[in-house]
All heavy atoms as atom14 arrays in JSON, in Angstrom:
{
  "sequence": "QNTAREYAKLYAAEAEPLEGFGEVPEIIPIFLIHRPANNIPYATVEE",
  "atom14_mask": [
    [1, 1, 1, 1, 1, 1, 1, 1, 1, 0, 0, 0, 0, 0],
    [1, 1, 1, 1, 1, 1, 1, 1, 0, 0, 0, 0, 0, 0],
    [1, 1, 1, 1, 1, 1, 1, 0, 0, 0, 0, 0, 0, 0],
    [1, 1, 1, 1, 1, 0, 0, 0, 0, 0, 0, 0, 0, 0],
    [1, 1, 1, 1, 1, 1, 1, 1, 1, 1, 1, 0, 0, 0],
    [1, 1, 1, 1, 1, 1, 1, 1, 1, 0, 0, 0, 0, 0],
    [1, 1, 1, 1, 1, 1, 1, 1, 1, 1, 1, 1, 0, 0],
    [1, 1, 1, 1, 1, 0, 0, 0, 0, 0, 0, 0, 0, 0],
    [1, 1, 1, 1, 1, 1, 1, 1, 1, 0, 0, 0, 0, 0],
    [1, 1, 1, 1, 1, 1, 1, 1, 0, 0, 0, 0, 0, 0],
    [1, 1, 1, 1, 1, 1, 1, 1, 1, 1, 1, 1, 0, 0],
    [1, 1, 1, 1, 1, 0, 0, 0, 0, 0, 0, 0, 0, 0],
    [1, 1, 1, 1, 1, 0, 0, 0, 0, 0, 0, 0, 0, 0],
    [1, 1, 1, 1, 1, 1, 1, 1, 1, 0, 0, 0, 0, 0],
    [1, 1, 1, 1, 1, 0, 0, 0, 0, 0, 0, 0, 0, 0],
    [1, 1, 1, 1, 1, 1, 1, 1, 1, 0, 0, 0, 0, 0],
    [1, 1, 1, 1, 1, 1, 1, 0, 0, 0, 0, 0, 0, 0],
    [1, 1, 1, 1, 1, 1, 1, 1, 0, 0, 0, 0, 0, 0],
    [1, 1, 1, 1, 1, 1, 1, 1, 1, 0, 0, 0, 0, 0],
    [1, 1, 1, 1, 0, 0, 0, 0, 0, 0, 0, 0, 0, 0],
    [1, 1, 1, 1, 1, 1, 1, 1, 1, 1, 1, 0, 0, 0],
    [1, 1, 1, 1, 0, 0, 0, 0, 0, 0, 0, 0, 0, 0],
    [1, 1, 1, 1, 1, 1, 1, 1, 1, 0, 0, 0, 0, 0],
    [1, 1, 1, 1, 1, 1, 1, 0, 0, 0, 0, 0, 0, 0],
    [1, 1, 1, 1, 1, 1, 1, 0, 0, 0, 0, 0, 0, 0],
    [1, 1, 1, 1, 1, 1, 1, 1, 1, 0, 0, 0, 0, 0],
    [1, 1, 1, 1, 1, 1, 1, 1, 0, 0, 0, 0, 0, 0],
    [1, 1, 1, 1, 1, 1, 1, 1, 0, 0, 0, 0, 0, 0],
    [1, 1, 1, 1, 1, 1, 1, 0, 0, 0, 0, 0, 0, 0],
    [1, 1, 1, 1, 1, 1, 1, 1, 0, 0, 0, 0, 0, 0],
    [1, 1, 1, 1, 1, 1, 1, 1, 1, 1, 1, 0, 0, 0],
    [1, 1, 1, 1, 1, 1, 1, 1, 0, 0, 0, 0, 0, 0],
    [1, 1, 1, 1, 1, 1, 1, 1, 0, 0, 0, 0, 0, 0],
    [1, 1, 1, 1, 1, 1, 1, 1, 1, 1, 0, 0, 0, 0],
    [1, 1, 1, 1, 1, 1, 1, 1, 1, 1, 1, 0, 0, 0],
    [1, 1, 1, 1, 1, 1, 1, 0, 0, 0, 0, 0, 0, 0],
    [1, 1, 1, 1, 1, 0, 0, 0, 0, 0, 0, 0, 0, 0],
    [1, 1, 1, 1, 1, 1, 1, 1, 0, 0, 0, 0, 0, 0],
    [1, 1, 1, 1, 1, 1, 1, 1, 0, 0, 0, 0, 0, 0],
    [1, 1, 1, 1, 1, 1, 1, 1, 0, 0, 0, 0, 0, 0],
    [1, 1, 1, 1, 1, 1, 1, 0, 0, 0, 0, 0, 0, 0],
    [1, 1, 1, 1, 1, 1, 1, 1, 1, 1, 1, 1, 0, 0],
    [1, 1, 1, 1, 1, 0, 0, 0, 0, 0, 0, 0, 0, 0],
    [1, 1, 1, 1, 1, 1, 1, 0, 0, 0, 0, 0, 0, 0],
    [1, 1, 1, 1, 1, 1, 1, 0, 0, 0, 0, 0, 0, 0],
    [1, 1, 1, 1, 1, 1, 1, 1, 1, 0, 0, 0, 0, 0],
    [1, 1, 1, 1, 1, 1, 1, 1, 1, 0, 0, 0, 0, 0]
  ],
  "atom14_positions": [
    [[7.11, -0.73, 1.58], [5.7, -0.34, 1.79], [4.81, -1.29, 1.09], [3.74, -1.67, 1.54], [5.44, 1.12, 1.28], [4.05, 1.49, 1.45], [3.78, 2.91, 1.93], [4.57, 3.4, 2.65], [2.7, 3.49, 1.49], [0.0, 0.0, 0.0], [0.0, 0.0, 0.0], [0.0, 0.0, 0.0], [0.0, 0.0, 0.0], [0.0, 0.0, 0.0]],
    [[5.15, -1.72, -0.19], [4.29, -2.62, -0.88], [4.26, -4.04, -0.28], [3.26, -4.73, -0.41], [4.63, -2.56, -2.37], [4.21, -1.27, -3.02], [3.16, -0.74, -2.66], [4.98, -0.73, -3.93], [0.0, 0.0, 0.0], [0.0, 0.0, 0.0], [0.0, 0.0, 0.0], [0.0, 0.0, 0.0], [0.0, 0.0, 0.0], [0.0, 0.0, 0.0]],
    [[5.38, -4.45, 0.27], [5.4, -5.75, 1.04], [4.45, -5.68, 2.18], [3.64, -6.54, 2.49], [6.84, -6.04, 1.54], [7.72, -6.11, 0.34], [6.95, -7.35, 2.24], [0.0, 0.0, 0.0], [0.0, 0.0, 0.0], [0.0, 0.0, 0.0], [0.0, 0.0, 0.0], [0.0, 0.0, 0.0], [0.0, 0.0, 0.0], [0.0, 0.0, 0.0]],
    [[4.54, -4.53, 3.02], [3.7, -4.33, 4.18], [2.18, -4.34, 3.66], [1.31, -4.78, 4.4], [4.08, -3.04, 4.83], [0.0, 0.0, 0.0], [0.0, 0.0, 0.0], [0.0, 0.0, 0.0], [0.0, 0.0, 0.0], [0.0, 0.0, 0.0], [0.0, 0.0, 0.0], [0.0, 0.0, 0.0], [0.0, 0.0, 0.0], [0.0, 0.0, 0.0]],
    [[1.99, -3.69, 2.57], [0.65, -3.58, 2.02], [0.04, -4.98, 1.76], [-1.19, -5.18, 1.96], [0.72, -2.76, 0.71], [-0.62, -2.58, 0.01], [-0.41, -1.59, -1.16], [-1.44, -1.88, -2.14], [-2.69, -1.37, -2.07], [-3.09, -0.78, -0.96], [-3.57, -1.62, -3.06], [0.0, 0.0, 0.0], [0.0, 0.0, 0.0], [0.0, 0.0, 0.0]],
    [[0.88, -5.88, 1.26], [0.39, -7.25, 0.95], [-0.08, -7.92, 2.26], [-1.1, -8.57, 2.29], [1.49, -8.13, 0.25], [1.78, -7.66, -1.17], [0.47, -7.55, -2.03], [-0.27, -8.48, -2.06], [0.29, -6.43, -2.66], [0.0, 0.0, 0.0], [0.0, 0.0, 0.0], [0.0, 0.0, 0.0], [0.0, 0.0, 0.0], [0.0, 0.0, 0.0]],
    [[0.7, -7.71, 3.39], [0.36, -8.3, 4.65], [-0.91, -7.6, 5.1], [-1.8, -8.29, 5.68], [1.47, -8.03, 5.65], [2.57, -9.06, 5.59], [3.8, -8.72, 5.12], [2.32, -10.4, 6.0], [4.88, -9.6, 4.98], [3.45, -11.31, 5.91], [4.68, -10.92, 5.45], [5.64, -11.85, 5.34], [0.0, 0.0, 0.0], [0.0, 0.0, 0.0]],
    [[-1.09, -6.33, 4.89], [-2.27, -5.63, 5.36], [-3.51, -6.13, 4.61], [-4.59, -6.22, 5.22], [-2.11, -4.07, 5.12], [0.0, 0.0, 0.0], [0.0, 0.0, 0.0], [0.0, 0.0, 0.0], [0.0, 0.0, 0.0], [0.0, 0.0, 0.0], [0.0, 0.0, 0.0], [0.0, 0.0, 0.0], [0.0, 0.0, 0.0], [0.0, 0.0, 0.0]],
    [[-3.33, -6.53, 3.35], [-4.5, -7.09, 2.62], [-4.9, -8.43, 3.18], [-6.08, -8.73, 3.35], [-4.12, -7.26, 1.13], [-4.09, -5.9, 0.3], [-3.82, -6.3, -1.18], [-3.44, -5.14, -2.0], [-2.79, -5.58, -3.19], [0.0, 0.0, 0.0], [0.0, 0.0, 0.0], [0.0, 0.0, 0.0], [0.0, 0.0, 0.0], [0.0, 0.0, 0.0]],
    [[-3.92, -9.22, 3.59], [-4.23, -10.54, 4.05], [-4.89, -10.33, 5.48], [-5.83, -11.11, 5.83], [-2.92, -11.38, 4.28], [-2.21, -11.78, 2.99], [-0.82, -12.31, 3.31], [-3.02, -12.8, 2.2], [0.0, 0.0, 0.0], [0.0, 0.0, 0.0], [0.0, 0.0, 0.0], [0.0, 0.0, 0.0], [0.0, 0.0, 0.0], [0.0, 0.0, 0.0]],
    [[-4.43, -9.4, 6.2], [-5.01, -9.09, 7.55], [-6.38, -8.68, 7.44], [-7.31, -9.15, 8.06], [-4.12, -7.97, 8.19], [-4.69, -7.34, 9.44], [-4.76, -8.06, 10.6], [-4.88, -5.94, 9.5], [-5.2, -7.41, 11.78], [-5.29, -5.3, 10.67], [-5.48, -6.0, 11.77], [-5.85, -5.43, 13.0], [0.0, 0.0, 0.0], [0.0, 0.0, 0.0]],
    [[-6.71, -7.79, 6.37], [-8.05, -7.35, 6.19], [-8.95, -8.47, 5.76], [-10.12, -8.6, 6.26], [-8.06, -6.29, 5.05], [0.0, 0.0, 0.0], [0.0, 0.0, 0.0], [0.0, 0.0, 0.0], [0.0, 0.0, 0.0], [0.0, 0.0, 0.0], [0.0, 0.0, 0.0], [0.0, 0.0, 0.0], [0.0, 0.0, 0.0], [0.0, 0.0, 0.0]],
    [[-8.45, -9.35, 4.97], [-9.3, -10.55, 4.54], [-9.7, -11.39, 5.68], [-10.72, -11.98, 5.72], [-8.49, -11.37, 3.51], [0.0, 0.0, 0.0], [0.0, 0.0, 0.0], [0.0, 0.0, 0.0], [0.0, 0.0, 0.0], [0.0, 0.0, 0.0], [0.0, 0.0, 0.0], [0.0, 0.0, 0.0], [0.0, 0.0, 0.0], [0.0, 0.0, 0.0]],
    [[-8.77, -11.48, 6.76], [-9.08, -12.28, 7.9], [-9.98, -11.49, 8.92], [-10.84, -12.09, 9.6], [-7.74, -12.7, 8.59], [-7.81, -14.04, 9.19], [-6.44, -14.56, 9.61], [-5.59, -14.86, 8.7], [-6.17, -14.67, 10.8], [0.0, 0.0, 0.0], [0.0, 0.0, 0.0], [0.0, 0.0, 0.0], [0.0, 0.0, 0.0], [0.0, 0.0, 0.0]],
    [[-9.69, -10.24, 9.03], [-10.39, -9.43, 10.09], [-11.78, -8.99, 9.67], [-12.72, -8.86, 10.51], [-9.51, -8.29, 10.48], [0.0, 0.0, 0.0], [0.0, 0.0, 0.0], [0.0, 0.0, 0.0], [0.0, 0.0, 0.0], [0.0, 0.0, 0.0], [0.0, 0.0, 0.0], [0.0, 0.0, 0.0], [0.0, 0.0, 0.0], [0.0, 0.0, 0.0]],
    [[-11.93, -8.53, 8.41], [-13.22, -7.93, 7.99], [-14.41, -8.81, 8.19], [-15.45, -8.26, 8.63], [-13.1, -7.49, 6.52], [-12.66, -6.09, 6.41], [-12.34, -5.61, 4.98], [-12.17, -6.49, 4.06], [-12.13, -4.43, 4.73], [0.0, 0.0, 0.0], [0.0, 0.0, 0.0], [0.0, 0.0, 0.0], [0.0, 0.0, 0.0], [0.0, 0.0, 0.0]],
    [[-14.35, -10.11, 7.96], [-15.5, -10.95, 8.15], [-15.94, -11.09, 9.62], [-17.01, -11.53, 9.88], [-15.17, -12.23, 7.55], [-13.96, -12.09, 6.79], [-13.23, -10.83, 7.34], [0.0, 0.0, 0.0], [0.0, 0.0, 0.0], [0.0, 0.0, 0.0], [0.0, 0.0, 0.0], [0.0, 0.0, 0.0], [0.0, 0.0, 0.0], [0.0, 0.0, 0.0]],
    [[-15.07, -10.76, 10.54], [-15.34, -10.98, 11.97], [-16.44, -10.01, 12.45], [-16.33, -8.8, 12.21], [-14.12, -10.79, 12.82], [-12.95, -11.78, 12.53], [-11.73, -11.34, 13.41], [-13.31, -13.19, 12.81], [0.0, 0.0, 0.0], [0.0, 0.0, 0.0], [0.0, 0.0, 0.0], [0.0, 0.0, 0.0], [0.0, 0.0, 0.0], [0.0, 0.0, 0.0]],
    [[-17.35, -10.53, 13.16], [-18.47, -9.69, 13.69], [-17.92, -8.65, 14.59], [-17.17, -8.99, 15.56], [-19.53, -10.6, 14.29], [-20.83, -9.85, 14.46], [-21.84, -10.75, 15.24], [-21.74, -11.95, 15.2], [-22.74, -10.09, 15.86], [0.0, 0.0, 0.0], [0.0, 0.0, 0.0], [0.0, 0.0, 0.0], [0.0, 0.0, 0.0], [0.0, 0.0, 0.0]],
    [[-18.22, -7.43, 14.31], [-17.83, -6.31, 15.25], [-16.45, -5.75, 14.96], [-16.05, -4.82, 15.67], [0.0, 0.0, 0.0], [0.0, 0.0, 0.0], [0.0, 0.0, 0.0], [0.0, 0.0, 0.0], [0.0, 0.0, 0.0], [0.0, 0.0, 0.0], [0.0, 0.0, 0.0], [0.0, 0.0, 0.0], [0.0, 0.0, 0.0], [0.0, 0.0, 0.0]],
    [[-15.69, -6.33, 14.08], [-14.34, -5.87, 13.8], [-14.44, -4.45, 13.14], [-13.68, -3.55, 13.52], [-13.54, -6.8, 13.05], [-11.98, -6.48, 13.14], [-11.24, -7.23, 14.02], [-11.4, -5.52, 12.33], [-9.89, -6.92, 14.13], [-10.04, -5.27, 12.45], [-9.24, -5.94, 13.36], [0.0, 0.0, 0.0], [0.0, 0.0, 0.0], [0.0, 0.0, 0.0]],
    [[-15.27, -4.33, 12.15], [-15.4, -3.04, 11.43], [-14.3, -2.75, 10.4], [-13.67, -3.67, 9.96], [0.0, 0.0, 0.0], [0.0, 0.0, 0.0], [0.0, 0.0, 0.0], [0.0, 0.0, 0.0], [0.0, 0.0, 0.0], [0.0, 0.0, 0.0], [0.0, 0.0, 0.0], [0.0, 0.0, 0.0], [0.0, 0.0, 0.0], [0.0, 0.0, 0.0]],
    [[-13.99, -1.51, 10.22], [-13.06, -1.08, 9.21], [-11.65, -1.56, 9.62], [-11.24, -1.53, 10.71], [-13.08, 0.45, 9.11], [-12.52, 0.98, 7.86], [-12.38, 2.54, 7.9], [-13.09, 3.2, 8.73], [-11.69, 3.05, 7.05], [0.0, 0.0, 0.0], [0.0, 0.0, 0.0], [0.0, 0.0, 0.0], [0.0, 0.0, 0.0], [0.0, 0.0, 0.0]],
    [[-10.91, -1.92, 8.56], [-9.5, -2.41, 8.79], [-8.54, -1.41, 8.23], [-8.79, -0.89, 7.07], [-9.33, -3.79, 8.16], [-7.95, -4.39, 8.37], [-10.41, -4.76, 8.66], [0.0, 0.0, 0.0], [0.0, 0.0, 0.0], [0.0, 0.0, 0.0], [0.0, 0.0, 0.0], [0.0, 0.0, 0.0], [0.0, 0.0, 0.0], [0.0, 0.0, 0.0]],
    [[-7.41, -1.1, 8.92], [-6.46, -0.17, 8.36], [-5.87, -0.71, 7.08], [-5.71, -1.95, 6.85], [-5.34, -0.18, 9.45], [-5.94, -0.71, 10.65], [-7.01, -1.64, 10.21], [0.0, 0.0, 0.0], [0.0, 0.0, 0.0], [0.0, 0.0, 0.0], [0.0, 0.0, 0.0], [0.0, 0.0, 0.0], [0.0, 0.0, 0.0], [0.0, 0.0, 0.0]],
    [[-5.67, 0.22, 6.12], [-5.01, -0.18, 4.86], [-3.71, 0.62, 4.6], [-3.65, 1.76, 5.08], [-5.95, -0.03, 3.63], [-6.31, 1.42, 3.34], [-6.91, 1.66, 1.98], [-6.32, 1.15, 0.99], [-7.93, 2.28, 1.87], [0.0, 0.0, 0.0], [0.0, 0.0, 0.0], [0.0, 0.0, 0.0], [0.0, 0.0, 0.0], [0.0, 0.0, 0.0]],
    [[-2.76, 0.02, 4.01], [-1.54, 0.71, 3.64], [-1.7, 1.13, 2.22], [-1.95, 0.28, 1.39], [-0.32, -0.18, 3.92], [-0.21, -0.47, 5.4], [0.96, 0.42, 3.4], [0.82, -1.56, 5.78], [0.0, 0.0, 0.0], [0.0, 0.0, 0.0], [0.0, 0.0, 0.0], [0.0, 0.0, 0.0], [0.0, 0.0, 0.0], [0.0, 0.0, 0.0]],
    [[-1.57, 2.46, 1.95], [-1.8, 2.87, 0.6], [-0.71, 2.49, -0.31], [0.52, 2.36, 0.13], [-2.06, 4.38, 0.58], [-0.83, 5.19, 0.94], [-3.32, 4.77, 1.38], [-1.03, 6.74, 0.82], [0.0, 0.0, 0.0], [0.0, 0.0, 0.0], [0.0, 0.0, 0.0], [0.0, 0.0, 0.0], [0.0, 0.0, 0.0], [0.0, 0.0, 0.0]],
    [[-0.99, 2.22, -1.56], [0.07, 1.79, -2.51], [1.07, 2.95, -2.78], [0.63, 4.12, -2.78], [-0.65, 1.38, -3.82], [-1.96, 2.07, -3.76], [-2.28, 2.28, -2.28], [0.0, 0.0, 0.0], [0.0, 0.0, 0.0], [0.0, 0.0, 0.0], [0.0, 0.0, 0.0], [0.0, 0.0, 0.0], [0.0, 0.0, 0.0], [0.0, 0.0, 0.0]],
    [[2.3, 2.6, -3.01], [3.32, 3.54, -3.36], [3.87, 3.14, -4.73], [4.2, 1.98, -4.88], [4.36, 3.73, -2.24], [5.38, 4.7, -2.54], [4.95, 2.37, -1.87], [6.26, 5.05, -1.33], [0.0, 0.0, 0.0], [0.0, 0.0, 0.0], [0.0, 0.0, 0.0], [0.0, 0.0, 0.0], [0.0, 0.0, 0.0], [0.0, 0.0, 0.0]],
    [[3.95, 4.04, -5.64], [4.38, 3.66, -6.97], [5.78, 4.3, -7.33], [5.99, 5.48, -6.93], [3.39, 4.19, -8.03], [2.02, 3.62, -7.83], [1.02, 4.43, -7.19], [1.72, 2.3, -8.22], [-0.28, 3.88, -6.98], [0.45, 1.81, -7.98], [-0.51, 2.54, -7.36], [0.0, 0.0, 0.0], [0.0, 0.0, 0.0], [0.0, 0.0, 0.0]],
    [[6.55, 3.58, -8.03], [7.86, 4.1, -8.39], [7.72, 4.65, -9.76], [7.24, 3.99, -10.72], [8.85, 2.9, -8.37], [10.34, 3.21, -8.6], [10.86, 3.94, -7.28], [11.14, 1.89, -8.74], [0.0, 0.0, 0.0], [0.0, 0.0, 0.0], [0.0, 0.0, 0.0], [0.0, 0.0, 0.0], [0.0, 0.0, 0.0], [0.0, 0.0, 0.0]],
    [[8.18, 5.91, -9.93], [8.21, 6.4, -11.29], [9.6, 6.7, -11.79], [10.46, 7.1, -10.95], [7.28, 7.69, -11.49], [7.66, 8.76, -10.47], [5.78, 7.34, -11.32], [7.09, 10.14, -10.83], [0.0, 0.0, 0.0], [0.0, 0.0, 0.0], [0.0, 0.0, 0.0], [0.0, 0.0, 0.0], [0.0, 0.0, 0.0], [0.0, 0.0, 0.0]],
    [[9.78, 6.46, -13.05], [11.15, 6.65, -13.64], [11.11, 7.9, -14.5], [10.24, 8.01, -15.33], [11.49, 5.38, -14.41], [12.9, 5.43, -14.94], [13.25, 4.85, -16.11], [14.03, 5.93, -14.44], [14.53, 5.1, -16.39], [15.02, 5.73, -15.33], [0.0, 0.0, 0.0], [0.0, 0.0, 0.0], [0.0, 0.0, 0.0], [0.0, 0.0, 0.0]],
    [[12.03, 8.76, -14.16], [12.07, 10.06, -15.04], [13.46, 10.16, -15.54], [14.33, 10.79, -14.96], [11.75, 11.24, -14.13], [10.44, 11.13, -13.39], [10.3, 12.15, -12.33], [11.3, 12.09, -11.27], [11.48, 12.98, -10.3], [10.71, 14.01, -10.24], [12.45, 12.82, -9.46], [0.0, 0.0, 0.0], [0.0, 0.0, 0.0], [0.0, 0.0, 0.0]],
    [[13.73, 9.5, -16.68], [15.08, 9.41, -17.21], [15.81, 10.8, -17.41], [17.0, 10.93, -17.24], [14.98, 8.69, -18.52], [13.55, 8.19, -18.65], [12.71, 8.9, -17.55], [0.0, 0.0, 0.0], [0.0, 0.0, 0.0], [0.0, 0.0, 0.0], [0.0, 0.0, 0.0], [0.0, 0.0, 0.0], [0.0, 0.0, 0.0], [0.0, 0.0, 0.0]],
    [[14.96, 11.83, -17.75], [15.63, 13.11, -18.05], [16.0, 13.87, -16.79], [16.77, 14.82, -16.8], [14.65, 13.97, -18.85], [0.0, 0.0, 0.0], [0.0, 0.0, 0.0], [0.0, 0.0, 0.0], [0.0, 0.0, 0.0], [0.0, 0.0, 0.0], [0.0, 0.0, 0.0], [0.0, 0.0, 0.0], [0.0, 0.0, 0.0], [0.0, 0.0, 0.0]],
    [[15.48, 13.41, -15.62], [15.65, 14.12, -14.41], [16.99, 13.72, -13.69], [17.41, 12.58, -13.82], [14.54, 13.8, -13.5], [14.33, 14.82, -12.38], [15.14, 14.93, -11.51], [13.2, 15.55, -12.47], [0.0, 0.0, 0.0], [0.0, 0.0, 0.0], [0.0, 0.0, 0.0], [0.0, 0.0, 0.0], [0.0, 0.0, 0.0], [0.0, 0.0, 0.0]],
    [[17.59, 14.64, -12.98], [18.83, 14.18, -12.27], [18.58, 13.29, -11.11], [19.48, 12.58, -10.65], [19.73, 15.44, -11.86], [18.92, 16.36, -10.9], [17.76, 16.09, -10.63], [19.58, 17.41, -10.48], [0.0, 0.0, 0.0], [0.0, 0.0, 0.0], [0.0, 0.0, 0.0], [0.0, 0.0, 0.0], [0.0, 0.0, 0.0], [0.0, 0.0, 0.0]],
    [[17.28, 13.22, -10.64], [16.95, 12.18, -9.68], [15.97, 11.28, -10.45], [14.8, 11.64, -10.57], [16.3, 12.69, -8.39], [17.25, 13.69, -7.73], [15.92, 11.66, -7.41], [16.64, 14.56, -6.59], [0.0, 0.0, 0.0], [0.0, 0.0, 0.0], [0.0, 0.0, 0.0], [0.0, 0.0, 0.0], [0.0, 0.0, 0.0], [0.0, 0.0, 0.0]],
    [[16.5, 10.18, -11.03], [15.67, 9.45, -12.0], [14.46, 8.71, -11.43], [13.53, 8.43, -12.17], [16.69, 8.5, -12.69], [17.74, 8.38, -11.67], [17.86, 9.63, -10.96], [0.0, 0.0, 0.0], [0.0, 0.0, 0.0], [0.0, 0.0, 0.0], [0.0, 0.0, 0.0], [0.0, 0.0, 0.0], [0.0, 0.0, 0.0], [0.0, 0.0, 0.0]],
    [[14.55, 8.39, -10.1], [13.42, 7.67, -9.56], [12.77, 8.41, -8.46], [13.4, 9.12, -7.7], [13.89, 6.31, -8.95], [14.3, 5.32, -10.01], [15.62, 5.15, -10.38], [13.31, 4.53, -10.68], [15.92, 4.26, -11.38], [13.67, 3.63, -11.62], [14.94, 3.45, -11.98], [15.29, 2.57, -12.95], [0.0, 0.0, 0.0], [0.0, 0.0, 0.0]],
    [[11.44, 8.35, -8.44], [10.65, 9.07, -7.43], [9.49, 8.16, -7.03], [9.16, 7.26, -7.8], [10.23, 10.38, -7.88], [0.0, 0.0, 0.0], [0.0, 0.0, 0.0], [0.0, 0.0, 0.0], [0.0, 0.0, 0.0], [0.0, 0.0, 0.0], [0.0, 0.0, 0.0], [0.0, 0.0, 0.0], [0.0, 0.0, 0.0], [0.0, 0.0, 0.0]],
    [[8.92, 8.43, -5.89], [7.7, 7.66, -5.55], [6.47, 8.55, -5.61], [6.6, 9.79, -5.32], [7.79, 7.05, -4.14], [8.07, 8.11, -3.23], [8.92, 6.07, -4.12], [0.0, 0.0, 0.0], [0.0, 0.0, 0.0], [0.0, 0.0, 0.0], [0.0, 0.0, 0.0], [0.0, 0.0, 0.0], [0.0, 0.0, 0.0], [0.0, 0.0, 0.0]],
    [[5.38, 7.99, -5.95], [4.15, 8.76, -5.99], [3.1, 7.95, -5.2], [3.03, 6.75, -5.25], [3.62, 8.86, -7.41], [2.32, 9.68, -7.52], [4.59, 9.32, -8.38], [0.0, 0.0, 0.0], [0.0, 0.0, 0.0], [0.0, 0.0, 0.0], [0.0, 0.0, 0.0], [0.0, 0.0, 0.0], [0.0, 0.0, 0.0], [0.0, 0.0, 0.0]],
    [[2.36, 8.69, -4.36], [1.24, 8.05, -3.61], [0.12, 9.01, -3.47], [0.24, 10.25, -3.6], [1.71, 7.44, -2.33], [2.3, 8.52, -1.34], [2.77, 7.82, -0.05], [2.88, 6.63, -0.01], [3.0, 8.61, 0.88], [0.0, 0.0, 0.0], [0.0, 0.0, 0.0], [0.0, 0.0, 0.0], [0.0, 0.0, 0.0], [0.0, 0.0, 0.0]],
    [[-1.06, 8.47, -3.06], [-2.22, 9.31, -2.83], [-1.9, 10.26, -1.66], [-1.24, 9.92, -0.74], [-3.29, 8.31, -2.38], [-4.55, 8.85, -1.86], [-5.4, 7.76, -1.21], [-5.22, 6.6, -1.42], [-6.41, 8.19, -0.6], [0.0, 0.0, 0.0], [0.0, 0.0, 0.0], [0.0, 0.0, 0.0], [0.0, 0.0, 0.0], [0.0, 0.0, 0.0]]
  ]
}
């Protein structure tokens, strides 16, 4: 998801200045959280 997000940012940078293009889709960031005490130590968090 974060790799795709980087591409989406580059796409936005190219598309946004174009006249009439308007809003550009964005891929929301996804964060990895580490919970050492939990039996599933890694989880993802996103908006």
